[in-house]
Amino acid sequence: MNAARPPQPPPPSTNLPKPPEKTAKDEAIAWLKAIGTALLIWIVLRSYLVEAFRIPSASMENTLLVGDFLFVNKAVFGGELEIPLTGIHCCRLPAFATPKRDDVVVFRSVEDSTPDLNIVKRVIGAPGDTLQMVHDTIIRNGQRLDEPYALHTAAIPDTQPPFRLQLIRALQLPQYVGRDPGHYHPTTHDWGPIVIPPQHYWVMGDNRDESYDSRFWGFLPRDHIRGRPLFIYMSVASHPFRTRWNRLFRHPD
């Protein structure tokens, strides 16, 4: 006698309802979310970790050339959140280091006409330093600087218009520590002695005759300094157009 077979479960239904198809609106929302997430990640990385930077002018020759492309370490000096196209800068993180004398740094312009312009120069003076330039020679804290990186290309020193010299004098006079402030008339080649105020730096381009730097617009606030170059990841010359392979992965110093 055969044992009764246990009841078998019914076969799975082959008529399960299909998931609703995505509409064009759903697809658009999904794409917008993906793009928004990618954009947010890019803004955070660019603000706090690493940013790409292109050298547009000759002010740092021969340390940096026009057409050099750099990666800039933003974390070292404390990155800050930067919202593109808005001019908003906020939420600064603590720094791992402070800018040092002779460092090459990237910073935001101090001038109202170019608030979001990124600039690269060399730190010549730190807070509390006494600086002076005598016939294009920098004297820092009483010691003449040996500057192998400095480049002078003009055969005859340029002369600035009177309004420019008046502005230079007005910017420097509060920090001037010379004997006769009333007769202090600085130029871009002879100025000082001046004392760098707290939380400020004095920066100059290595190409001294082609650089618009602290000599023209004064002291650089610490919170404008954004980072330190890591290395050159690409270098392209224009005349003639070519890749300068020998400059790749160099650290500007």
Protein backbone atom coordinates (compact mmCIF):
# COMPACT_ATOMS: atom_id res chain seq x y z
CA MET A 1 0.00 0.00 0.00
CA ASN A 2 1.48 3.34 -1.09
CA ALA A 3 1.75 6.17 1.43
CA ALA A 4 -0.25 9.26 0.64
CA ARG A 5 1.87 11.97 -1.01
CA PRO A 6 1.92 15.30 0.82
CA PRO A 7 0.14 18.11 -0.95
CA GLN A 8 2.39 20.05 -3.34
CA PRO A 9 2.54 23.87 -3.30
CA PRO A 10 0.96 25.50 -6.31
CA PRO A 11 3.40 26.50 -9.07
CA PRO A 12 4.55 30.10 -8.96
CA SER A 13 2.37 32.41 -10.88
CA THR A 14 3.76 33.66 -14.14
CA ASN A 15 1.42 36.60 -14.20
CA LEU A 16 3.10 38.81 -11.53
CA PRO A 17 2.51 42.53 -12.02
CA LYS A 18 5.40 44.29 -13.77
CA PRO A 19 7.08 47.25 -12.09
CA PRO A 20 5.85 50.52 -13.50
CA GLU A 21 7.99 51.90 -16.28
CA LYS A 22 9.95 55.07 -15.52
CA THR A 23 8.58 58.16 -17.09
CA ALA A 24 10.73 60.85 -18.70
CA LYS A 25 10.25 62.93 -15.55
CA ASP A 26 11.57 60.09 -13.37
CA GLU A 27 14.61 59.69 -15.63
CA ALA A 28 15.30 63.42 -15.51
CA ILE A 29 15.07 63.47 -11.70
CA ALA A 30 17.45 60.51 -11.44
CA TRP A 31 19.96 62.21 -13.73
CA LEU A 32 19.70 65.47 -11.79
CA LYS A 33 20.33 63.64 -8.52
CA ALA A 34 23.41 61.91 -9.96
CA ILE A 35 24.77 65.15 -11.37
CA GLY A 36 24.06 67.01 -8.14
CA THR A 37 25.85 64.36 -6.08
CA ALA A 38 28.87 64.41 -8.39
CA LEU A 39 28.94 68.22 -8.30
CA LEU A 40 28.77 68.25 -4.50
CA ILE A 41 31.64 65.76 -4.24
CA TRP A 42 33.69 67.84 -6.70
CA ILE A 43 33.08 71.05 -4.72
CA VAL A 44 34.11 69.42 -1.43
CA LEU A 45 37.27 67.83 -2.88
CA ARG A 46 38.20 71.06 -4.68
CA SER A 47 37.61 73.16 -1.56
CA TYR A 48 39.29 71.01 1.06
CA LEU A 49 41.80 68.66 -0.57
CA VAL A 50 43.25 69.28 -4.05
CA GLU A 51 42.57 71.80 -6.78
CA ALA A 52 43.98 72.12 -10.29
CA PHE A 53 45.54 75.46 -11.17
CA ARG A 54 46.94 76.89 -14.41
CA ILE A 55 49.76 79.45 -14.58
CA PRO A 56 48.47 82.29 -16.79
CA SER A 57 51.29 84.84 -16.55
CA ALA A 58 55.07 85.17 -16.45
CA SER A 59 55.24 86.60 -12.93
CA MET A 60 56.84 83.45 -11.44
CA GLU A 61 59.37 82.65 -14.18
CA ASN A 62 61.55 80.66 -14.17
CA THR A 63 60.11 78.74 -11.22
CA LEU A 64 56.73 78.44 -12.94
CA LEU A 65 56.12 79.04 -16.64
CA VAL A 66 53.06 80.15 -18.54
CA GLY A 67 51.18 76.96 -19.41
CA ASP A 68 52.22 74.99 -16.32
CA PHE A 69 49.32 73.09 -14.74
CA LEU A 70 49.57 72.41 -11.00
CA PHE A 71 47.84 70.38 -8.36
CA VAL A 72 47.48 72.51 -5.23
CA ASN A 73 47.31 71.06 -1.72
CA LYS A 74 44.35 72.84 -0.08
CA ALA A 75 44.35 70.89 3.19
CA VAL A 76 47.79 72.00 4.37
CA PHE A 77 46.71 75.57 5.20
CA GLY A 78 43.12 74.73 6.09
CA GLY A 79 40.70 74.48 3.18
CA GLU A 80 37.48 76.44 3.07
CA LEU A 81 34.23 75.69 1.33
CA GLU A 82 33.98 77.67 -1.91
CA ILE A 83 30.72 77.83 -3.85
CA PRO A 84 31.59 78.38 -7.53
CA LEU A 85 30.25 81.51 -9.25
CA THR A 86 28.92 82.95 -5.97
CA GLY A 87 31.99 84.33 -4.22
CA ILE A 88 30.92 82.54 -1.03
CA HIS A 89 33.77 81.26 1.17
CA CYS A 90 32.96 79.65 4.51
CA CYS A 91 33.46 76.66 6.82
CA ARG A 92 37.25 76.80 7.01
CA LEU A 93 38.96 73.72 8.47
CA PRO A 94 41.97 73.82 10.82
CA ALA A 95 45.35 74.05 9.11
CA PHE A 96 48.08 71.44 9.33
CA ALA A 97 50.83 74.04 8.83
CA THR A 98 51.45 77.76 8.45
CA PRO A 99 52.99 79.44 5.41
CA LYS A 100 56.76 79.72 5.74
CA ARG A 101 59.26 82.14 4.32
CA ASP A 102 60.22 81.26 0.73
CA ASP A 103 57.15 79.01 0.27
CA VAL A 104 55.35 79.23 -3.05
CA VAL A 105 51.66 79.72 -2.24
CA VAL A 106 48.34 80.10 -4.04
CA PHE A 107 45.95 82.73 -2.66
CA ARG A 108 42.82 84.70 -3.41
CA SER A 109 43.24 88.26 -4.65
CA VAL A 110 42.93 90.99 -2.02
CA GLU A 111 41.52 93.49 -4.51
CA ASP A 112 37.78 94.11 -4.73
CA SER A 113 37.89 94.13 -8.53
CA THR A 114 39.09 90.49 -8.66
CA PRO A 115 37.78 88.79 -5.50
CA ASP A 116 37.85 85.24 -6.91
CA LEU A 117 41.13 85.46 -8.82
CA ASN A 118 43.66 82.82 -7.77
CA ILE A 119 47.27 84.05 -7.73
CA VAL A 120 50.60 82.31 -7.11
CA LYS A 121 53.59 84.08 -5.52
CA ARG A 122 56.44 83.44 -3.12
CA VAL A 123 56.33 84.30 0.59
CA ILE A 124 59.08 86.84 1.28
CA GLY A 125 58.03 88.03 4.73
CA ALA A 126 56.05 86.48 7.59
CA PRO A 127 54.26 88.26 10.46
CA GLY A 128 56.71 90.33 12.51
CA ASP A 129 59.49 90.35 9.89
CA THR A 130 61.20 93.61 9.00
CA LEU A 131 61.62 93.92 5.25
CA GLN A 132 63.46 96.33 3.02
CA MET A 133 64.39 96.44 -0.66
CA VAL A 134 67.49 98.35 -1.72
CA HIS A 135 68.15 98.48 -5.47
CA ASP A 136 66.17 95.24 -6.00
CA THR A 137 67.93 93.43 -3.13
CA ILE A 138 65.71 92.16 -0.30
CA ILE A 139 66.91 92.62 3.28
CA ARG A 140 64.94 90.59 5.82
CA ASN A 141 65.50 91.13 9.54
CA GLY A 142 68.83 92.75 8.77
CA GLN A 143 70.08 89.94 6.53
CA ARG A 144 70.52 90.25 2.77
CA LEU A 145 68.61 87.45 1.05
CA ASP A 146 70.29 85.16 -1.42
CA GLU A 147 67.54 84.64 -3.99
CA PRO A 148 68.67 82.29 -6.76
CA TYR A 149 65.07 82.10 -7.98
CA ALA A 150 64.74 85.88 -8.54
CA LEU A 151 64.68 87.00 -12.15
CA HIS A 152 65.24 90.56 -13.42
CA THR A 153 64.39 90.94 -17.08
CA ALA A 154 64.19 94.72 -17.55
CA ALA A 155 67.37 96.39 -18.79
CA ILE A 156 66.17 99.68 -17.29
CA PRO A 157 64.02 99.65 -14.12
CA ASP A 158 60.48 100.70 -14.89
CA THR A 159 59.01 103.88 -13.47
CA GLN A 160 55.52 103.93 -12.01
CA PRO A 161 53.04 106.79 -12.49
CA PRO A 162 52.66 109.23 -9.56
CA PHE A 163 49.26 107.88 -8.48
CA ARG A 164 50.74 104.38 -8.20
CA LEU A 165 53.65 105.60 -6.08
CA GLN A 166 51.21 107.49 -3.83
CA LEU A 167 49.18 104.32 -3.33
CA ILE A 168 52.32 102.30 -2.51
CA ARG A 169 53.33 104.92 0.04
CA ALA A 170 49.87 104.95 1.65
CA LEU A 171 49.85 101.15 1.99
CA GLN A 172 53.33 100.96 3.50
CA LEU A 173 53.48 104.07 5.65
CA PRO A 174 51.54 102.66 8.66
CA GLN A 175 54.15 99.86 8.94
CA TYR A 176 57.19 102.00 8.08
CA VAL A 177 59.89 101.97 10.78
CA GLY A 178 62.46 104.24 9.17
CA ARG A 179 63.80 107.49 10.57
CA ASP A 180 61.86 110.05 8.55
CA PRO A 181 58.29 109.01 7.63
CA GLY A 182 57.55 112.45 6.22
CA HIS A 183 60.13 111.99 3.47
CA TYR A 184 59.40 108.32 2.79
CA HIS A 185 58.78 107.83 -0.93
CA PRO A 186 58.97 104.13 -1.84
CA THR A 187 59.19 102.70 -5.34
CA THR A 188 58.87 99.12 -6.58
CA HIS A 189 62.67 98.76 -6.45
CA ASP A 190 63.47 100.64 -3.22
CA TRP A 191 61.22 100.57 -0.18
CA GLY A 192 61.16 99.94 3.57
CA PRO A 193 62.01 99.13 6.20
CA ILE A 194 58.50 97.98 7.01
CA VAL A 195 57.24 95.49 9.60
CA ILE A 196 54.77 92.80 8.49
CA PRO A 197 51.64 93.07 10.67
CA PRO A 198 50.16 90.06 12.52
CA GLN A 199 48.25 87.53 10.41
CA HIS A 200 49.65 89.01 7.21
CA TYR A 201 52.39 88.11 4.73
CA TRP A 202 54.47 89.83 2.08
CA VAL A 203 54.53 87.98 -1.24
CA MET A 204 56.38 88.67 -4.48
CA GLY A 205 56.76 87.05 -7.88
CA ASP A 206 60.10 85.52 -8.80
CA ASN A 207 60.10 87.52 -12.04
CA ARG A 208 60.45 90.82 -10.22
CA ASP A 209 60.01 93.09 -13.25
CA GLU A 210 56.83 91.32 -14.43
CA SER A 211 55.03 90.73 -11.14
CA TYR A 212 52.03 92.54 -9.67
CA ASP A 213 52.49 91.67 -6.00
CA SER A 214 52.66 93.05 -2.44
CA ARG A 215 54.70 96.00 -3.65
CA PHE A 216 51.57 97.24 -5.41
CA TRP A 217 48.62 96.12 -3.28
CA GLY A 218 50.13 95.66 0.17
CA PHE A 219 50.03 92.90 2.76
CA LEU A 220 48.36 89.53 2.17
CA PRO A 221 45.90 88.42 4.89
CA ARG A 222 46.46 84.89 6.19
CA ASP A 223 42.89 83.82 5.46
CA HIS A 224 43.38 84.53 1.74
CA ILE A 225 46.09 81.88 1.41
CA ARG A 226 44.52 78.78 -0.09
CA GLY A 227 47.24 76.20 -0.60
CA ARG A 228 50.70 75.08 -1.61
CA PRO A 229 51.56 73.62 -5.04
CA LEU A 230 52.13 69.86 -5.02
CA PHE A 231 53.61 69.28 -8.47
CA ILE A 232 53.29 70.18 -12.13
CA TYR A 233 51.08 67.58 -13.83
CA MET A 234 51.19 69.12 -17.31
CA SER A 235 53.14 71.88 -19.04
CA VAL A 236 52.22 73.25 -22.46
CA ALA A 237 54.15 75.90 -24.39
CA SER A 238 52.36 78.07 -26.96
CA HIS A 239 55.12 79.35 -29.27
CA PRO A 240 55.55 76.83 -30.73
CA PHE A 241 52.80 74.63 -29.33
CA ARG A 242 54.38 71.67 -27.57
CA THR A 243 54.34 69.67 -24.33
CA ARG A 244 57.26 70.38 -22.01
CA TRP A 245 57.76 66.81 -20.84
CA ASN A 246 60.81 67.71 -18.74
CA ARG A 247 58.66 69.80 -16.39
CA LEU A 248 56.16 67.07 -15.50
CA PHE A 249 55.99 66.06 -11.80
CA ARG A 250 58.32 68.88 -10.73
CA HIS A 251 57.68 70.49 -7.37
CA PRO A 252 58.00 74.30 -7.61
CA ASP A 253 60.36 75.56 -4.92
